[in-house]
Amino acid sequence: MENFIHPSVRERWTLAGRKALITGATKGIGLAIAQEFLALGAEVIIVARNSETIEQQINNWHSLGKVYGVAADVATSEGRQIMEEYVSKTFGTLDILVNNVGTNIRKSANDYTEAEVAAIFQTNLTSIFELSRLFYPLLKTSENSSIVNISSVAGLISVRTGAPYGMTKAALVQLTRSLAVEWASDHIRVNVIAPWFIQTPLTEPLLKNPETLDAVLSRTPMKRVGQPEEVASITAFLCMSAASYITGQCIAVDGGFMAFGF
């Protein structure tokens, strides 16, 4: 009897049968999230701009479960419409939306062009607002749907990533809170994750610089860089029934960085 686990417990800690859409899912954090979801039983649609990369990942994951892919640029209205049509045709409903896509151009504030600032805002913020609105009708059909936005500690504190990037990531936290309150009555939970330095292709060039790596580790109580799987696991939890009373929250995945004073 001591090994018995009530069925309701198992049901809360799974993504079995849940239908998820994950943007930027062919590398880094998005890749790890897609793998985590598939391992936990979700049906997954991955989104990226490169169709060949999508096809390769689908072939790699075919044995893990039901995975599909669509090539689209989330920063354009045309790309978002392609996504909406594909999800409607493939799933007909949607339980989970993970807004993971993001971009950056690291410069001093005075060195940005208007076009560069607009591009960062379009990808990091506008696309997420528009995708959330676009998929609202499908998410509303689920009894317990979830949106998870991937922000950054750069939206909570200055970490020298460039002002436009920090601005978009801060706005994403507030967007999450606003949608969580507005859509709670529709059984749509909305949360946001703020990672610190995670070992990904995007951070690899920075972390190869010994001075940068030393600076990161000196400010991280756990004295290491995070792994994509450590972001993926909290993303999966937030989409489970086990997290059904959690909404409007910003969770830092940072090895203690935000808590560190001296």
C-alpha atoms as a PDB file:
ATOM      1  CA  MET A   1       0.000   0.000   0.000  1.00  0.00           C
ATOM      2  CA  GLU A   2       2.887   2.411   0.689  1.00  0.00           C
ATOM      3  CA  ASN A   3       3.679   2.449  -3.068  1.00  0.00           C
ATOM      4  CA  PHE A   4       0.138   3.400  -4.059  1.00  0.00           C
ATOM      5  CA  ILE A   5      -0.235   6.780  -5.754  1.00  0.00           C
ATOM      6  CA  HIS A   6      -3.753   8.113  -6.145  1.00  0.00           C
ATOM      7  CA  PRO A   7      -4.731   8.531  -9.827  1.00  0.00           C
ATOM      8  CA  SER A   8      -5.549  12.200  -9.253  1.00  0.00           C
ATOM      9  CA  VAL A   9      -1.913  12.846  -8.317  1.00  0.00           C
ATOM     10  CA  ARG A  10      -0.679  11.293 -11.558  1.00  0.00           C
ATOM     11  CA  GLU A  11      -3.190  13.327 -13.536  1.00  0.00           C
ATOM     12  CA  ARG A  12      -1.944  16.582 -12.009  1.00  0.00           C
ATOM     13  CA  TRP A  13       1.706  15.896 -12.824  1.00  0.00           C
ATOM     14  CA  THR A  14       1.476  15.173 -16.540  1.00  0.00           C
ATOM     15  CA  LEU A  15       0.926  16.867 -19.872  1.00  0.00           C
ATOM     16  CA  ALA A  16      -0.549  13.761 -21.482  1.00  0.00           C
ATOM     17  CA  GLY A  17      -2.876  14.650 -24.331  1.00  0.00           C
ATOM     18  CA  ARG A  18      -2.340  18.388 -23.934  1.00  0.00           C
ATOM     19  CA  LYS A  19      -1.935  20.297 -27.189  1.00  0.00           C
ATOM     20  CA  ALA A  20       0.916  22.819 -27.136  1.00  0.00           C
ATOM     21  CA  LEU A  21       2.355  25.429 -29.485  1.00  0.00           C
ATOM     22  CA  ILE A  22       5.972  26.469 -28.847  1.00  0.00           C
ATOM     23  CA  THR A  23       7.715  29.255 -30.743  1.00  0.00           C
ATOM     24  CA  GLY A  24      11.448  29.289 -31.399  1.00  0.00           C
ATOM     25  CA  ALA A  25      11.559  25.568 -30.656  1.00  0.00           C
ATOM     26  CA  THR A  26      14.507  24.360 -32.744  1.00  0.00           C
ATOM     27  CA  LYS A  27      17.331  25.573 -30.509  1.00  0.00           C
ATOM     28  CA  GLY A  28      18.223  26.641 -26.987  1.00  0.00           C
ATOM     29  CA  ILE A  29      15.455  27.049 -24.432  1.00  0.00           C
ATOM     30  CA  GLY A  30      12.649  26.454 -26.939  1.00  0.00           C
ATOM     31  CA  LEU A  31      14.208  23.168 -28.027  1.00  0.00           C
ATOM     32  CA  ALA A  32      14.480  22.007 -24.421  1.00  0.00           C
ATOM     33  CA  ILE A  33      10.853  22.981 -23.717  1.00  0.00           C
ATOM     34  CA  ALA A  34       9.610  21.019 -26.731  1.00  0.00           C
ATOM     35  CA  GLN A  35      11.553  17.931 -25.645  1.00  0.00           C
ATOM     36  CA  GLU A  36      10.264  18.234 -22.091  1.00  0.00           C
ATOM     37  CA  PHE A  37       6.663  18.544 -23.254  1.00  0.00           C
ATOM     38  CA  LEU A  38       6.944  15.537 -25.556  1.00  0.00           C
ATOM     39  CA  ALA A  39       8.498  13.431 -22.786  1.00  0.00           C
ATOM     40  CA  LEU A  40       5.544  14.356 -20.550  1.00  0.00           C
ATOM     41  CA  GLY A  41       2.982  13.270 -23.126  1.00  0.00           C
ATOM     42  CA  ALA A  42       1.986  16.531 -24.813  1.00  0.00           C
ATOM     43  CA  GLU A  43       1.209  16.865 -28.504  1.00  0.00           C
ATOM     44  CA  VAL A  44       3.462  19.629 -29.784  1.00  0.00           C
ATOM     45  CA  ILE A  45       3.594  22.031 -32.705  1.00  0.00           C
ATOM     46  CA  ILE A  46       6.973  23.725 -33.020  1.00  0.00           C
ATOM     47  CA  VAL A  47       7.521  27.026 -34.812  1.00  0.00           C
ATOM     48  CA  ALA A  48      10.691  28.438 -36.365  1.00  0.00           C
ATOM     49  CA  ARG A  49      11.575  30.332 -39.517  1.00  0.00           C
ATOM     50  CA  ASN A  50      13.669  27.572 -41.111  1.00  0.00           C
ATOM     51  CA  SER A  51      11.576  24.713 -42.538  1.00  0.00           C
ATOM     52  CA  GLU A  52      14.596  22.421 -42.960  1.00  0.00           C
ATOM     53  CA  THR A  53      15.517  22.769 -39.289  1.00  0.00           C
ATOM     54  CA  ILE A  54      11.923  22.045 -38.291  1.00  0.00           C
ATOM     55  CA  GLU A  55      11.811  18.912 -40.433  1.00  0.00           C
ATOM     56  CA  GLN A  56      15.092  17.704 -38.948  1.00  0.00           C
ATOM     57  CA  GLN A  57      13.831  18.155 -35.395  1.00  0.00           C
ATOM     58  CA  ILE A  58      10.552  16.414 -36.144  1.00  0.00           C
ATOM     59  CA  ASN A  59      12.505  13.448 -37.512  1.00  0.00           C
ATOM     60  CA  ASN A  60      14.666  13.420 -34.381  1.00  0.00           C
ATOM     61  CA  TRP A  61      11.624  13.470 -32.094  1.00  0.00           C
ATOM     62  CA  HIS A  62       9.292  11.223 -34.055  1.00  0.00           C
ATOM     63  CA  SER A  63       9.652   8.357 -31.580  1.00  0.00           C
ATOM     64  CA  LEU A  64       8.927  10.619 -28.600  1.00  0.00           C
ATOM     65  CA  GLY A  65       5.318  11.365 -29.496  1.00  0.00           C
ATOM     66  CA  LYS A  66       3.063  13.480 -31.689  1.00  0.00           C
ATOM     67  CA  VAL A  67       5.058  16.439 -32.968  1.00  0.00           C
ATOM     68  CA  TYR A  68       4.339  18.772 -35.863  1.00  0.00           C
ATOM     69  CA  GLY A  69       6.007  21.884 -37.217  1.00  0.00           C
ATOM     70  CA  VAL A  70       5.253  25.048 -39.116  1.00  0.00           C
ATOM     71  CA  ALA A  71       7.704  27.524 -40.624  1.00  0.00           C
ATOM     72  CA  ALA A  72       6.672  31.088 -39.863  1.00  0.00           C
ATOM     73  CA  ASP A  73       8.075  34.424 -38.721  1.00  0.00           C
ATOM     74  CA  VAL A  74       6.229  35.405 -35.548  1.00  0.00           C
ATOM     75  CA  ALA A  75       7.307  39.021 -36.001  1.00  0.00           C
ATOM     76  CA  THR A  76       5.027  39.437 -39.024  1.00  0.00           C
ATOM     77  CA  SER A  77       1.234  39.388 -39.212  1.00  0.00           C
ATOM     78  CA  GLU A  78       1.516  37.035 -42.190  1.00  0.00           C
ATOM     79  CA  GLY A  79       3.629  34.592 -40.198  1.00  0.00           C
ATOM     80  CA  ARG A  80       1.222  34.677 -37.265  1.00  0.00           C
ATOM     81  CA  GLN A  81      -1.712  34.005 -39.572  1.00  0.00           C
ATOM     82  CA  ILE A  82       0.099  30.988 -41.011  1.00  0.00           C
ATOM     83  CA  MET A  83       0.515  29.690 -37.461  1.00  0.00           C
ATOM     84  CA  GLU A  84      -3.134  30.216 -36.578  1.00  0.00           C
ATOM     85  CA  GLU A  85      -4.330  28.387 -39.685  1.00  0.00           C
ATOM     86  CA  TYR A  86      -1.941  25.499 -39.098  1.00  0.00           C
ATOM     87  CA  VAL A  87      -2.908  25.058 -35.440  1.00  0.00           C
ATOM     88  CA  SER A  88      -6.621  25.234 -36.254  1.00  0.00           C
ATOM     89  CA  LYS A  89      -6.225  22.631 -38.992  1.00  0.00           C
ATOM     90  CA  THR A  90      -3.938  20.312 -36.999  1.00  0.00           C
ATOM     91  CA  PHE A  91      -5.408  20.550 -33.484  1.00  0.00           C
ATOM     92  CA  GLY A  92      -8.680  22.420 -33.736  1.00  0.00           C
ATOM     93  CA  THR A  93      -8.060  23.618 -30.184  1.00  0.00           C
ATOM     94  CA  LEU A  94      -5.105  24.644 -28.031  1.00  0.00           C
ATOM     95  CA  ASP A  95      -4.210  24.014 -24.379  1.00  0.00           C
ATOM     96  CA  ILE A  96      -0.772  25.613 -24.151  1.00  0.00           C
ATOM     97  CA  LEU A  97       0.993  28.541 -25.807  1.00  0.00           C
ATOM     98  CA  VAL A  98       4.684  29.059 -25.048  1.00  0.00           C
ATOM     99  CA  ASN A  99       5.968  32.391 -26.354  1.00  0.00           C
ATOM    100  CA  ASN A 100       9.690  31.739 -26.418  1.00  0.00           C
ATOM    101  CA  VAL A 101      10.962  33.669 -29.448  1.00  0.00           C
ATOM    102  CA  GLY A 102      13.194  36.630 -28.698  1.00  0.00           C
ATOM    103  CA  THR A 103      15.993  38.626 -30.255  1.00  0.00           C
ATOM    104  CA  ASN A 104      18.545  41.234 -29.256  1.00  0.00           C
ATOM    105  CA  ILE A 105      21.042  43.737 -30.626  1.00  0.00           C
ATOM    106  CA  ARG A 106      23.536  44.762 -27.959  1.00  0.00           C
ATOM    107  CA  LYS A 107      24.477  48.436 -28.236  1.00  0.00           C
ATOM    108  CA  SER A 108      24.664  51.599 -26.198  1.00  0.00           C
ATOM    109  CA  ALA A 109      21.316  53.386 -26.076  1.00  0.00           C
ATOM    110  CA  ASN A 110      22.438  56.242 -28.329  1.00  0.00           C
ATOM    111  CA  ASP A 111      23.738  53.888 -31.023  1.00  0.00           C
ATOM    112  CA  TYR A 112      20.441  52.203 -31.979  1.00  0.00           C
ATOM    113  CA  THR A 113      18.638  53.125 -35.167  1.00  0.00           C
ATOM    114  CA  GLU A 114      14.849  53.448 -35.124  1.00  0.00           C
ATOM    115  CA  ALA A 115      14.643  50.361 -37.335  1.00  0.00           C
ATOM    116  CA  GLU A 116      16.678  48.287 -34.875  1.00  0.00           C
ATOM    117  CA  VAL A 117      14.522  49.329 -31.925  1.00  0.00           C
ATOM    118  CA  ALA A 118      11.355  48.606 -33.900  1.00  0.00           C
ATOM    119  CA  ALA A 119      12.634  45.129 -34.853  1.00  0.00           C
ATOM    120  CA  ILE A 120      13.400  44.234 -31.220  1.00  0.00           C
ATOM    121  CA  PHE A 121       9.980  45.426 -30.066  1.00  0.00           C
ATOM    122  CA  GLN A 122       8.189  43.646 -32.912  1.00  0.00           C
ATOM    123  CA  THR A 123       9.793  40.287 -32.105  1.00  0.00           C
ATOM    124  CA  ASN A 124      10.027  40.428 -28.318  1.00  0.00           C
ATOM    125  CA  LEU A 125       6.765  42.133 -27.408  1.00  0.00           C
ATOM    126  CA  THR A 126       4.312  42.915 -30.188  1.00  0.00           C
ATOM    127  CA  SER A 127       4.426  39.361 -31.567  1.00  0.00           C
ATOM    128  CA  ILE A 128       3.638  37.901 -28.140  1.00  0.00           C
ATOM    129  CA  PHE A 129       0.732  40.266 -27.565  1.00  0.00           C
ATOM    130  CA  GLU A 130      -0.671  39.503 -31.005  1.00  0.00           C
ATOM    131  CA  LEU A 131      -0.149  35.730 -30.746  1.00  0.00           C
ATOM    132  CA  SER A 132      -1.871  35.663 -27.373  1.00  0.00           C
ATOM    133  CA  ARG A 133      -4.842  37.527 -28.815  1.00  0.00           C
ATOM    134  CA  LEU A 134      -4.848  35.414 -31.977  1.00  0.00           C
ATOM    135  CA  PHE A 135      -4.958  32.125 -30.072  1.00  0.00           C
ATOM    136  CA  TYR A 136      -7.329  33.347 -27.370  1.00  0.00           C
ATOM    137  CA  PRO A 137     -10.403  31.741 -29.022  1.00  0.00           C
ATOM    138  CA  LEU A 138      -8.688  28.345 -29.183  1.00  0.00           C
ATOM    139  CA  LEU A 139      -7.252  28.587 -25.658  1.00  0.00           C
ATOM    140  CA  LYS A 140     -10.675  29.523 -24.352  1.00  0.00           C
ATOM    141  CA  THR A 141     -12.068  26.176 -25.524  1.00  0.00           C
ATOM    142  CA  SER A 142      -9.808  24.348 -23.052  1.00  0.00           C
ATOM    143  CA  GLU A 143     -10.879  23.830 -19.445  1.00  0.00           C
ATOM    144  CA  ASN A 144      -7.420  24.689 -18.108  1.00  0.00           C
ATOM    145  CA  SER A 145      -5.258  26.410 -20.694  1.00  0.00           C
ATOM    146  CA  SER A 146      -1.931  28.077 -20.076  1.00  0.00           C
ATOM    147  CA  ILE A 147       0.254  30.730 -21.657  1.00  0.00           C
ATOM    148  CA  VAL A 148       3.897  30.887 -20.613  1.00  0.00           C
ATOM    149  CA  ASN A 149       6.001  33.812 -21.773  1.00  0.00           C
ATOM    150  CA  ILE A 150       9.787  33.653 -21.700  1.00  0.00           C
ATOM    151  CA  SER A 151      11.161  36.971 -20.493  1.00  0.00           C
ATOM    152  CA  SER A 152      14.553  37.619 -18.857  1.00  0.00           C
ATOM    153  CA  VAL A 153      16.066  39.003 -15.677  1.00  0.00           C
ATOM    154  CA  ALA A 154      16.956  41.894 -18.007  1.00  0.00           C
ATOM    155  CA  GLY A 155      13.316  42.891 -17.610  1.00  0.00           C
ATOM    156  CA  LEU A 156      13.717  43.058 -13.828  1.00  0.00           C
ATOM    157  CA  ILE A 157      17.154  44.624 -13.415  1.00  0.00           C
ATOM    158  CA  SER A 158      19.855  46.121 -15.635  1.00  0.00           C
ATOM    159  CA  VAL A 159      22.254  43.443 -16.882  1.00  0.00           C
ATOM    160  CA  ARG A 160      23.898  45.377 -19.741  1.00  0.00           C
ATOM    161  CA  THR A 161      21.910  43.669 -22.507  1.00  0.00           C
ATOM    162  CA  GLY A 162      20.829  46.897 -24.188  1.00  0.00           C
ATOM    163  CA  ALA A 163      17.955  49.209 -23.281  1.00  0.00           C
ATOM    164  CA  PRO A 164      15.422  48.079 -25.951  1.00  0.00           C
ATOM    165  CA  TYR A 165      15.808  44.416 -24.961  1.00  0.00           C
ATOM    166  CA  GLY A 166      15.334  45.224 -21.278  1.00  0.00           C
ATOM    167  CA  MET A 167      12.336  47.414 -22.089  1.00  0.00           C
ATOM    168  CA  THR A 168      10.584  44.651 -24.034  1.00  0.00           C
ATOM    169  CA  LYS A 169      11.269  42.030 -21.385  1.00  0.00           C
ATOM    170  CA  ALA A 170       9.965  44.320 -18.620  1.00  0.00           C
ATOM    171  CA  ALA A 171       6.836  45.057 -20.646  1.00  0.00           C
ATOM    172  CA  LEU A 172       6.350  41.324 -21.151  1.00  0.00           C
ATOM    173  CA  VAL A 173       6.131  40.850 -17.389  1.00  0.00           C
ATOM    174  CA  GLN A 174       3.391  43.480 -17.161  1.00  0.00           C
ATOM    175  CA  LEU A 175       1.591  42.057 -20.198  1.00  0.00           C
ATOM    176  CA  THR A 176       1.563  38.701 -18.424  1.00  0.00           C
ATOM    177  CA  ARG A 177      -0.019  40.193 -15.315  1.00  0.00           C
ATOM    178  CA  SER A 178      -2.634  42.071 -17.329  1.00  0.00           C
ATOM    179  CA  LEU A 179      -3.696  39.045 -19.377  1.00  0.00           C
ATOM    180  CA  ALA A 180      -3.693  36.795 -16.307  1.00  0.00           C
ATOM    181  CA  VAL A 181      -6.254  39.050 -14.630  1.00  0.00           C
ATOM    182  CA  GLU A 182      -8.317  39.718 -17.745  1.00  0.00           C
ATOM    183  CA  TRP A 183      -8.501  36.099 -18.886  1.00  0.00           C
ATOM    184  CA  ALA A 184      -8.784  34.303 -15.542  1.00  0.00           C
ATOM    185  CA  SER A 185     -12.555  33.938 -15.965  1.00  0.00           C
ATOM    186  CA  ASP A 186     -11.872  32.166 -19.269  1.00  0.00           C
ATOM    187  CA  HIS A 187      -9.745  29.530 -17.483  1.00  0.00           C
ATOM    188  CA  ILE A 188      -6.590  30.805 -19.177  1.00  0.00           C
ATOM    189  CA  ARG A 189      -3.603  31.063 -16.845  1.00  0.00           C
ATOM    190  CA  VAL A 190      -0.735  33.344 -17.894  1.00  0.00           C
ATOM    191  CA  ASN A 191       2.719  33.255 -16.315  1.00  0.00           C
ATOM    192  CA  VAL A 192       6.175  34.480 -17.242  1.00  0.00           C
ATOM    193  CA  ILE A 193       9.666  33.072 -16.688  1.00  0.00           C
ATOM    194  CA  ALA A 194      12.751  35.274 -16.344  1.00  0.00           C
ATOM    195  CA  PRO A 195      15.995  33.343 -16.944  1.00  0.00           C
ATOM    196  CA  TRP A 196      19.481  34.594 -16.121  1.00  0.00           C
ATOM    197  CA  PHE A 197      22.398  33.310 -18.212  1.00  0.00           C
ATOM    198  CA  ILE A 198      21.429  29.938 -19.716  1.00  0.00           C
ATOM    199  CA  GLN A 199      23.814  27.816 -21.806  1.00  0.00           C
ATOM    200  CA  THR A 200      22.404  28.270 -25.317  1.00  0.00           C
ATOM    201  CA  PRO A 201      23.745  29.032 -28.808  1.00  0.00           C
ATOM    202  CA  LEU A 202      22.798  32.691 -28.253  1.00  0.00           C
ATOM    203  CA  THR A 203      24.787  33.079 -25.022  1.00  0.00           C
ATOM    204  CA  GLU A 204      27.712  30.861 -26.044  1.00  0.00           C
ATOM    205  CA  PRO A 205      29.733  33.657 -27.692  1.00  0.00           C
ATOM    206  CA  LEU A 206      29.368  35.828 -24.576  1.00  0.00           C
ATOM    207  CA  LEU A 207      30.223  33.047 -22.148  1.00  0.00           C
ATOM    208  CA  LYS A 208      33.350  32.171 -24.123  1.00  0.00           C
ATOM    209  CA  ASN A 209      34.775  35.487 -22.940  1.00  0.00           C
ATOM    210  CA  PRO A 210      36.530  34.686 -19.621  1.00  0.00           C
ATOM    211  CA  GLU A 211      35.822  38.145 -18.193  1.00  0.00           C
ATOM    212  CA  THR A 212      32.113  37.882 -18.974  1.00  0.00           C
ATOM    213  CA  LEU A 213      31.901  34.367 -17.552  1.00  0.00           C
ATOM    214  CA  ASP A 214      33.709  35.432 -14.364  1.00  0.00           C
ATOM    215  CA  ALA A 215      31.355  38.395 -13.980  1.00  0.00           C
ATOM    216  CA  VAL A 216      28.296  36.162 -14.405  1.00  0.00           C
ATOM    217  CA  LEU A 217      29.518  33.547 -11.947  1.00  0.00           C
ATOM    218  CA  SER A 218      30.566  36.145  -9.367  1.00  0.00           C
ATOM    219  CA  ARG A 219      26.971  37.415  -9.271  1.00  0.00           C
ATOM    220  CA  THR A 220      25.358  33.970  -9.229  1.00  0.00           C
ATOM    221  CA  PRO A 221      25.175  32.325  -5.784  1.00  0.00           C
ATOM    222  CA  MET A 222      25.023  28.838  -7.336  1.00  0.00           C
ATOM    223  CA  LYS A 223      28.280  29.632  -9.196  1.00  0.00           C
ATOM    224  CA  ARG A 224      27.245  28.154 -12.524  1.00  0.00           C
ATOM    225  CA  VAL A 225      25.350  28.973 -15.697  1.00  0.00           C
ATOM    226  CA  GLY A 226      21.860  27.523 -16.039  1.00  0.00           C
ATOM    227  CA  GLN A 227      20.879  24.783 -18.474  1.00  0.00           C
ATOM    228  CA  PRO A 228      17.952  24.955 -20.937  1.00  0.00           C
ATOM    229  CA  GLU A 229      16.337  21.954 -19.249  1.00  0.00           C
ATOM    230  CA  GLU A 230      16.107  23.959 -16.023  1.00  0.00           C
ATOM    231  CA  VAL A 231      13.901  26.486 -17.784  1.00  0.00           C
ATOM    232  CA  ALA A 232      11.959  23.737 -19.555  1.00  0.00           C
ATOM    233  CA  SER A 233      11.027  22.009 -16.292  1.00  0.00           C
ATOM    234  CA  ILE A 234       9.402  25.069 -14.718  1.00  0.00           C
ATOM    235  CA  THR A 235       7.647  25.810 -18.005  1.00  0.00           C
ATOM    236  CA  ALA A 236       6.164  22.309 -18.005  1.00  0.00           C
ATOM    237  CA  PHE A 237       5.083  22.619 -14.373  1.00  0.00           C
ATOM    238  CA  LEU A 238       3.269  25.894 -15.030  1.00  0.00           C
ATOM    239  CA  CYS A 239       1.266  24.144 -17.760  1.00  0.00           C
ATOM    240  CA  MET A 240       0.253  21.173 -15.591  1.00  0.00           C
ATOM    241  CA  SER A 241      -2.918  20.807 -13.559  1.00  0.00           C
ATOM    242  CA  ALA A 242      -0.582  20.760 -10.544  1.00  0.00           C
ATOM    243  CA  ALA A 243      -0.126  24.514 -11.121  1.00  0.00           C
ATOM    244  CA  SER A 244      -3.834  25.213 -11.649  1.00  0.00           C
ATOM    245  CA  TYR A 245      -3.965  28.015  -9.032  1.00  0.00           C
ATOM    246  CA  ILE A 246      -0.846  29.816 -10.277  1.00  0.00           C
ATOM    247  CA  THR A 247      -1.335  32.749 -12.635  1.00  0.00           C
ATOM    248  CA  GLY A 248       0.094  36.233 -13.166  1.00  0.00           C
ATOM    249  CA  GLN A 249       3.459  35.210 -11.703  1.00  0.00           C
ATOM    250  CA  CYS A 250       7.010  36.002 -12.780  1.00  0.00           C
ATOM    251  CA  ILE A 251       9.451  33.242 -11.825  1.00  0.00           C
ATOM    252  CA  ALA A 252      13.180  33.874 -12.131  1.00  0.00           C
ATOM    253  CA  VAL A 253      15.327  30.897 -13.135  1.00  0.00           C
ATOM    254  CA  ASP A 254      18.582  32.459 -12.091  1.00  0.00           C
ATOM    255  CA  GLY A 255      20.636  30.424  -9.622  1.00  0.00           C
ATOM    256  CA  GLY A 256      19.881  33.043  -6.958  1.00  0.00           C
ATOM    257  CA  PHE A 257      21.022  36.054  -9.026  1.00  0.00           C
ATOM    258  CA  MET A 258      18.008  38.267  -8.230  1.00  0.00           C
ATOM    259  CA  ALA A 259      18.306  37.537  -4.501  1.00  0.00           C
ATOM    260  CA  PHE A 260      22.022  38.323  -4.312  1.00  0.00           C
ATOM    261  CA  GLY A 261      23.059  41.587  -2.632  1.00  0.00           C
ATOM    262  CA  PHE A 262      26.593  41.007  -1.363  1.00  0.00           C
END
